[in-house]
Amino acid sequence: MVTVMNLCNGEKLIYSCNPLMAVICAYAQSKKDFNTWNYEKKYRSLVEEGNLTFLCGDFSSFKDSRIF
């Protein structure tokens, strides 16, 4: 389980995938894109990787899956 936080409003979302895919899913679904099999191809280039986190748009998750 991975917690993704929307940094604009503090909303927390739970995903059952790795942290990288979790932020991609949260971002894509916020854009009303539910075509999950194309997420990585379409959105991977938008992900920024920090020392501890992944960030895509307004969504962030910890790399080690810790909870916000």
PDB file of N, CA and C in Angstrom:
ATOM      1  N   MET A   1       0.840  -1.180   0.000  1.00  0.00           N
ATOM      2  CA  MET A   1       0.000   0.000   0.000  1.00  0.00           C
ATOM      3  C   MET A   1       0.887   1.246   0.000  1.00  0.00           C
ATOM      4  N   VAL A   2       0.489   2.203  -0.804  1.00  0.00           N
ATOM      5  CA  VAL A   2       1.239   3.451  -0.932  1.00  0.00           C
ATOM      6  C   VAL A   2       0.278   4.611  -0.718  1.00  0.00           C
ATOM      7  N   THR A   3       0.690   5.568   0.086  1.00  0.00           N
ATOM      8  CA  THR A   3      -0.086   6.788   0.286  1.00  0.00           C
ATOM      9  C   THR A   3       0.465   7.870  -0.628  1.00  0.00           C
ATOM     10  N   VAL A   4      -0.419   8.491  -1.377  1.00  0.00           N
ATOM     11  CA  VAL A   4      -0.068   9.614  -2.246  1.00  0.00           C
ATOM     12  C   VAL A   4      -0.792  10.834  -1.702  1.00  0.00           C
ATOM     13  N   MET A   5      -0.072  11.929  -1.596  1.00  0.00           N
ATOM     14  CA  MET A   5      -0.700  13.153  -1.099  1.00  0.00           C
ATOM     15  C   MET A   5      -0.827  14.170  -2.224  1.00  0.00           C
ATOM     16  N   ASN A   6      -2.014  14.774  -2.302  1.00  0.00           N
ATOM     17  CA  ASN A   6      -2.229  15.912  -3.182  1.00  0.00           C
ATOM     18  C   ASN A   6      -1.701  17.125  -2.422  1.00  0.00           C
ATOM     19  N   LEU A   7      -0.628  17.705  -2.912  1.00  0.00           N
ATOM     20  CA  LEU A   7       0.031  18.788  -2.188  1.00  0.00           C
ATOM     21  C   LEU A   7      -0.752  20.093  -2.207  1.00  0.00           C
ATOM     22  N   CYS A   8      -1.758  20.192  -3.060  1.00  0.00           N
ATOM     23  CA  CYS A   8      -2.582  21.412  -3.111  1.00  0.00           C
ATOM     24  C   CYS A   8      -3.632  21.450  -2.020  1.00  0.00           C
ATOM     25  N   ASN A   9      -4.221  20.287  -1.740  1.00  0.00           N
ATOM     26  CA  ASN A   9      -5.329  20.291  -0.789  1.00  0.00           C
ATOM     27  C   ASN A   9      -5.145  19.348   0.395  1.00  0.00           C
ATOM     28  N   GLY A  10      -4.039  18.615   0.438  1.00  0.00           N
ATOM     29  CA  GLY A  10      -3.756  17.717   1.558  1.00  0.00           C
ATOM     30  C   GLY A  10      -4.494  16.396   1.510  1.00  0.00           C
ATOM     31  N   GLU A  11      -5.261  16.156   0.456  1.00  0.00           N
ATOM     32  CA  GLU A  11      -5.984  14.893   0.325  1.00  0.00           C
ATOM     33  C   GLU A  11      -4.991  13.736   0.199  1.00  0.00           C
ATOM     34  N   LYS A  12      -5.286  12.641   0.895  1.00  0.00           N
ATOM     35  CA  LYS A  12      -4.444  11.453   0.829  1.00  0.00           C
ATOM     36  C   LYS A  12      -5.178  10.357   0.070  1.00  0.00           C
ATOM     37  N   LEU A  13      -4.470   9.732  -0.856  1.00  0.00           N
ATOM     38  CA  LEU A  13      -5.016   8.651  -1.676  1.00  0.00           C
ATOM     39  C   LEU A  13      -4.192   7.402  -1.424  1.00  0.00           C
ATOM     40  N   ILE A  14      -4.840   6.247  -1.461  1.00  0.00           N
ATOM     41  CA  ILE A  14      -4.172   4.971  -1.220  1.00  0.00           C
ATOM     42  C   ILE A  14      -4.166   4.161  -2.509  1.00  0.00           C
ATOM     43  N   TYR A  15      -2.994   3.644  -2.858  1.00  0.00           N
ATOM     44  CA  TYR A  15      -2.844   2.799  -4.051  1.00  0.00           C
ATOM     45  C   TYR A  15      -2.136   1.508  -3.676  1.00  0.00           C
ATOM     46  N   SER A  16      -2.424   0.469  -4.427  1.00  0.00           N
ATOM     47  CA  SER A  16      -1.779  -0.829  -4.182  1.00  0.00           C
ATOM     48  C   SER A  16      -0.820  -1.150  -5.332  1.00  0.00           C
ATOM     49  N   CYS A  17       0.148  -0.262  -5.524  1.00  0.00           N
ATOM     50  CA  CYS A  17       1.195  -0.451  -6.526  1.00  0.00           C
ATOM     51  C   CYS A  17       2.463   0.195  -5.969  1.00  0.00           C
ATOM     52  N   ASN A  18       3.511   0.245  -6.747  1.00  0.00           N
ATOM     53  CA  ASN A  18       4.745   0.859  -6.248  1.00  0.00           C
ATOM     54  C   ASN A  18       4.583   2.391  -6.210  1.00  0.00           C
ATOM     55  N   PRO A  19       5.435   3.077  -5.443  1.00  0.00           N
ATOM     56  CA  PRO A  19       5.292   4.529  -5.273  1.00  0.00           C
ATOM     57  C   PRO A  19       5.369   5.326  -6.573  1.00  0.00           C
ATOM     58  N   LEU A  20       6.202   4.900  -7.508  1.00  0.00           N
ATOM     59  CA  LEU A  20       6.303   5.599  -8.787  1.00  0.00           C
ATOM     60  C   LEU A  20       4.984   5.537  -9.540  1.00  0.00           C
ATOM     61  N   MET A  21       4.438   4.351  -9.679  1.00  0.00           N
ATOM     62  CA  MET A  21       3.170   4.197 -10.391  1.00  0.00           C
ATOM     63  C   MET A  21       2.024   4.860  -9.632  1.00  0.00           C
ATOM     64  N   ALA A  22       2.104   4.906  -8.321  1.00  0.00           N
ATOM     65  CA  ALA A  22       1.042   5.528  -7.528  1.00  0.00           C
ATOM     66  C   ALA A  22       0.903   7.011  -7.847  1.00  0.00           C
ATOM     67  N   VAL A  23       2.025   7.740  -7.950  1.00  0.00           N
ATOM     68  CA  VAL A  23       1.914   9.168  -8.272  1.00  0.00           C
ATOM     69  C   VAL A  23       1.461   9.359  -9.718  1.00  0.00           C
ATOM     70  N   ILE A  24       1.882   8.473 -10.606  1.00  0.00           N
ATOM     71  CA  ILE A  24       1.433   8.549 -11.992  1.00  0.00           C
ATOM     72  C   ILE A  24      -0.074   8.305 -12.059  1.00  0.00           C
ATOM     73  N   CYS A  25      -0.555   7.302 -11.344  1.00  0.00           N
ATOM     74  CA  CYS A  25      -1.993   7.001 -11.318  1.00  0.00           C
ATOM     75  C   CYS A  25      -2.792   8.178 -10.765  1.00  0.00           C
ATOM     76  N   ALA A  26      -2.335   8.730  -9.665  1.00  0.00           N
ATOM     77  CA  ALA A  26      -3.050   9.857  -9.053  1.00  0.00           C
ATOM     78  C   ALA A  26      -3.125  11.036 -10.013  1.00  0.00           C
ATOM     79  N   TYR A  27      -2.020  11.339 -10.674  1.00  0.00           N
ATOM     80  CA  TYR A  27      -1.999  12.451 -11.625  1.00  0.00           C
ATOM     81  C   TYR A  27      -2.937  12.178 -12.800  1.00  0.00           C
ATOM     82  N   ALA A  28      -2.810  11.008 -13.408  1.00  0.00           N
ATOM     83  CA  ALA A  28      -3.625  10.675 -14.578  1.00  0.00           C
ATOM     84  C   ALA A  28      -5.108  10.695 -14.241  1.00  0.00           C
ATOM     85  N   GLN A  29      -5.470  10.121 -13.098  1.00  0.00           N
ATOM     86  CA  GLN A  29      -6.871  10.069 -12.718  1.00  0.00           C
ATOM     87  C   GLN A  29      -7.412  11.457 -12.373  1.00  0.00           C
ATOM     88  N   SER A  30      -6.552  12.351 -11.917  1.00  0.00           N
ATOM     89  CA  SER A  30      -6.999  13.725 -11.672  1.00  0.00           C
ATOM     90  C   SER A  30      -7.306  14.432 -12.984  1.00  0.00           C
ATOM     91  N   LYS A  31      -6.744  13.937 -14.071  1.00  0.00           N
ATOM     92  CA  LYS A  31      -6.997  14.459 -15.422  1.00  0.00           C
ATOM     93  C   LYS A  31      -8.116  13.693 -16.127  1.00  0.00           C
ATOM     94  N   LYS A  32      -8.820  12.842 -15.372  1.00  0.00           N
ATOM     95  CA  LYS A  32      -9.925  12.017 -15.884  1.00  0.00           C
ATOM     96  C   LYS A  32      -9.455  10.987 -16.918  1.00  0.00           C
ATOM     97  N   ASP A  33      -8.204  10.550 -16.810  1.00  0.00           N
ATOM     98  CA  ASP A  33      -7.652   9.504 -17.674  1.00  0.00           C
ATOM     99  C   ASP A  33      -7.650   8.201 -16.881  1.00  0.00           C
ATOM    100  N   PHE A  34      -8.483   7.254 -17.284  1.00  0.00           N
ATOM    101  CA  PHE A  34      -8.568   5.968 -16.594  1.00  0.00           C
ATOM    102  C   PHE A  34      -8.074   4.831 -17.479  1.00  0.00           C
ATOM    103  N   ASN A  35      -7.311   5.164 -18.514  1.00  0.00           N
ATOM    104  CA  ASN A  35      -6.735   4.195 -19.438  1.00  0.00           C
ATOM    105  C   ASN A  35      -5.406   3.705 -18.849  1.00  0.00           C
ATOM    106  N   THR A  36      -5.488   2.894 -17.821  1.00  0.00           N
ATOM    107  CA  THR A  36      -4.334   2.547 -16.984  1.00  0.00           C
ATOM    108  C   THR A  36      -3.190   1.878 -17.726  1.00  0.00           C
ATOM    109  N   TRP A  37      -3.465   1.148 -18.777  1.00  0.00           N
ATOM    110  CA  TRP A  37      -2.387   0.424 -19.450  1.00  0.00           C
ATOM    111  C   TRP A  37      -1.442   1.345 -20.208  1.00  0.00           C
ATOM    112  N   ASN A  38      -1.789   2.604 -20.372  1.00  0.00           N
ATOM    113  CA  ASN A  38      -0.904   3.560 -21.044  1.00  0.00           C
ATOM    114  C   ASN A  38      -0.269   4.582 -20.102  1.00  0.00           C
ATOM    115  N   TYR A  39      -0.527   4.475 -18.814  1.00  0.00           N
ATOM    116  CA  TYR A  39      -0.050   5.486 -17.874  1.00  0.00           C
ATOM    117  C   TYR A  39       1.455   5.695 -17.938  1.00  0.00           C
ATOM    118  N   GLU A  40       2.225   4.627 -17.837  1.00  0.00           N
ATOM    119  CA  GLU A  40       3.680   4.795 -17.765  1.00  0.00           C
ATOM    120  C   GLU A  40       4.217   5.464 -19.028  1.00  0.00           C
ATOM    121  N   LYS A  41       3.739   5.045 -20.167  1.00  0.00           N
ATOM    122  CA  LYS A  41       4.192   5.624 -21.441  1.00  0.00           C
ATOM    123  C   LYS A  41       3.821   7.109 -21.547  1.00  0.00           C
ATOM    124  N   LYS A  42       2.609   7.459 -21.111  1.00  0.00           N
ATOM    125  CA  LYS A  42       2.127   8.832 -21.253  1.00  0.00           C
ATOM    126  C   LYS A  42       2.683   9.791 -20.207  1.00  0.00           C
ATOM    127  N   TYR A  43       2.889   9.306 -18.969  1.00  0.00           N
ATOM    128  CA  TYR A  43       3.157  10.223 -17.865  1.00  0.00           C
ATOM    129  C   TYR A  43       4.520  10.067 -17.203  1.00  0.00           C
ATOM    130  N   ARG A  44       5.278   9.035 -17.520  1.00  0.00           N
ATOM    131  CA  ARG A  44       6.560   8.804 -16.831  1.00  0.00           C
ATOM    132  C   ARG A  44       7.492   9.999 -16.959  1.00  0.00           C
ATOM    133  N   SER A  45       7.480  10.656 -18.100  1.00  0.00           N
ATOM    134  CA  SER A  45       8.379  11.806 -18.319  1.00  0.00           C
ATOM    135  C   SER A  45       8.034  13.003 -17.432  1.00  0.00           C
ATOM    136  N   LEU A  46       6.842  13.025 -16.841  1.00  0.00           N
ATOM    137  CA  LEU A  46       6.425  14.135 -15.975  1.00  0.00           C
ATOM    138  C   LEU A  46       6.863  13.947 -14.526  1.00  0.00           C
ATOM    139  N   VAL A  47       7.337  12.753 -14.189  1.00  0.00           N
ATOM    140  CA  VAL A  47       7.695  12.442 -12.807  1.00  0.00           C
ATOM    141  C   VAL A  47       9.064  13.030 -12.464  1.00  0.00           C
ATOM    142  N   GLU A  48       9.110  13.699 -11.325  1.00  0.00           N
ATOM    143  CA  GLU A  48      10.376  14.190 -10.784  1.00  0.00           C
ATOM    144  C   GLU A  48      10.744  13.312  -9.599  1.00  0.00           C
ATOM    145  N   GLU A  49      12.016  12.964  -9.523  1.00  0.00           N
ATOM    146  CA  GLU A  49      12.483  12.071  -8.467  1.00  0.00           C
ATOM    147  C   GLU A  49      13.410  12.823  -7.530  1.00  0.00           C
ATOM    148  N   GLY A  50      13.057  12.836  -6.250  1.00  0.00           N
ATOM    149  CA  GLY A  50      13.903  13.440  -5.233  1.00  0.00           C
ATOM    150  C   GLY A  50      14.635  12.358  -4.466  1.00  0.00           C
ATOM    151  N   ASN A  51      15.328  12.735  -3.414  1.00  0.00           N
ATOM    152  CA  ASN A  51      16.032  11.759  -2.589  1.00  0.00           C
ATOM    153  C   ASN A  51      15.075  10.793  -1.899  1.00  0.00           C
ATOM    154  N   LEU A  52      13.937  11.305  -1.469  1.00  0.00           N
ATOM    155  CA  LEU A  52      12.986  10.491  -0.707  1.00  0.00           C
ATOM    156  C   LEU A  52      11.631  10.319  -1.374  1.00  0.00           C
ATOM    157  N   THR A  53      11.348  11.110  -2.399  1.00  0.00           N
ATOM    158  CA  THR A  53       9.992  11.137  -2.951  1.00  0.00           C
ATOM    159  C   THR A  53       9.958  11.084  -4.474  1.00  0.00           C
ATOM    160  N   PHE A  54       8.761  10.729  -4.972  1.00  0.00           N
ATOM    161  CA  PHE A  54       8.401  10.907  -6.372  1.00  0.00           C
ATOM    162  C   PHE A  54       7.337  11.990  -6.412  1.00  0.00           C
ATOM    163  N   LEU A  55       7.356  12.805  -7.461  1.00  0.00           N
ATOM    164  CA  LEU A  55       6.396  13.887  -7.612  1.00  0.00           C
ATOM    165  C   LEU A  55       5.909  13.902  -9.052  1.00  0.00           C
ATOM    166  N   CYS A  56       4.593  13.988  -9.219  1.00  0.00           N
ATOM    167  CA  CYS A  56       4.004  14.128 -10.553  1.00  0.00           C
ATOM    168  C   CYS A  56       2.856  15.116 -10.431  1.00  0.00           C
ATOM    169  N   GLY A  57       3.000  16.266 -11.057  1.00  0.00           N
ATOM    170  CA  GLY A  57       1.992  17.310 -10.902  1.00  0.00           C
ATOM    171  C   GLY A  57       1.918  17.732  -9.443  1.00  0.00           C
ATOM    172  N   ASP A  58       0.730  17.683  -8.878  1.00  0.00           N
ATOM    173  CA  ASP A  58       0.521  18.061  -7.475  1.00  0.00           C
ATOM    174  C   ASP A  58       0.587  16.863  -6.530  1.00  0.00           C
ATOM    175  N   PHE A  59       1.009  15.703  -7.011  1.00  0.00           N
ATOM    176  CA  PHE A  59       0.947  14.463  -6.233  1.00  0.00           C
ATOM    177  C   PHE A  59       2.336  13.972  -5.870  1.00  0.00           C
ATOM    178  N   SER A  60       2.486  13.535  -4.629  1.00  0.00           N
ATOM    179  CA  SER A  60       3.776  13.080  -4.142  1.00  0.00           C
ATOM    180  C   SER A  60       3.614  11.815  -3.305  1.00  0.00           C
ATOM    181  N   SER A  61       4.643  10.950  -3.365  1.00  0.00           N
ATOM    182  CA  SER A  61       4.681   9.768  -2.505  1.00  0.00           C
ATOM    183  C   SER A  61       6.126   9.549  -2.068  1.00  0.00           C
ATOM    184  N   PHE A  62       6.283   8.916  -0.916  1.00  0.00           N
ATOM    185  CA  PHE A  62       7.603   8.536  -0.453  1.00  0.00           C
ATOM    186  C   PHE A  62       8.047   7.281  -1.196  1.00  0.00           C
ATOM    187  N   LYS A  63       9.324   7.227  -1.562  1.00  0.00           N
ATOM    188  CA  LYS A  63       9.881   6.081  -2.279  1.00  0.00           C
ATOM    189  C   LYS A  63       9.795   4.795  -1.459  1.00  0.00           C
ATOM    190  N   ASP A  64       9.901   4.908  -0.149  1.00  0.00           N
ATOM    191  CA  ASP A  64       9.880   3.722   0.708  1.00  0.00           C
ATOM    192  C   ASP A  64       8.473   3.391   1.220  1.00  0.00           C
ATOM    193  N   SER A  65       7.468   4.011   0.633  1.00  0.00           N
ATOM    194  CA  SER A  65       6.058   3.761   0.939  1.00  0.00           C
ATOM    195  C   SER A  65       5.621   4.196   2.333  1.00  0.00           C
ATOM    196  N   ARG A  66       6.419   4.974   3.025  1.00  0.00           N
ATOM    197  CA  ARG A  66       5.969   5.456   4.352  1.00  0.00           C
ATOM    198  C   ARG A  66       4.741   6.331   4.174  1.00  0.00           C
ATOM    199  N   ILE A  67       3.976   6.435   5.206  1.00  0.00           N
ATOM    200  CA  ILE A  67       2.711   7.171   5.160  1.00  0.00           C
ATOM    201  C   ILE A  67       2.948   8.626   5.551  1.00  0.00           C
ATOM    202  N   PHE A  68       2.292   9.555   4.859  1.00  0.00           N
ATOM    203  CA  PHE A  68       2.376  10.972   5.197  1.00  0.00           C
ATOM    204  C   PHE A  68       1.757  11.223   6.533  1.00  0.00           C
TER     205      PHE A  68
END
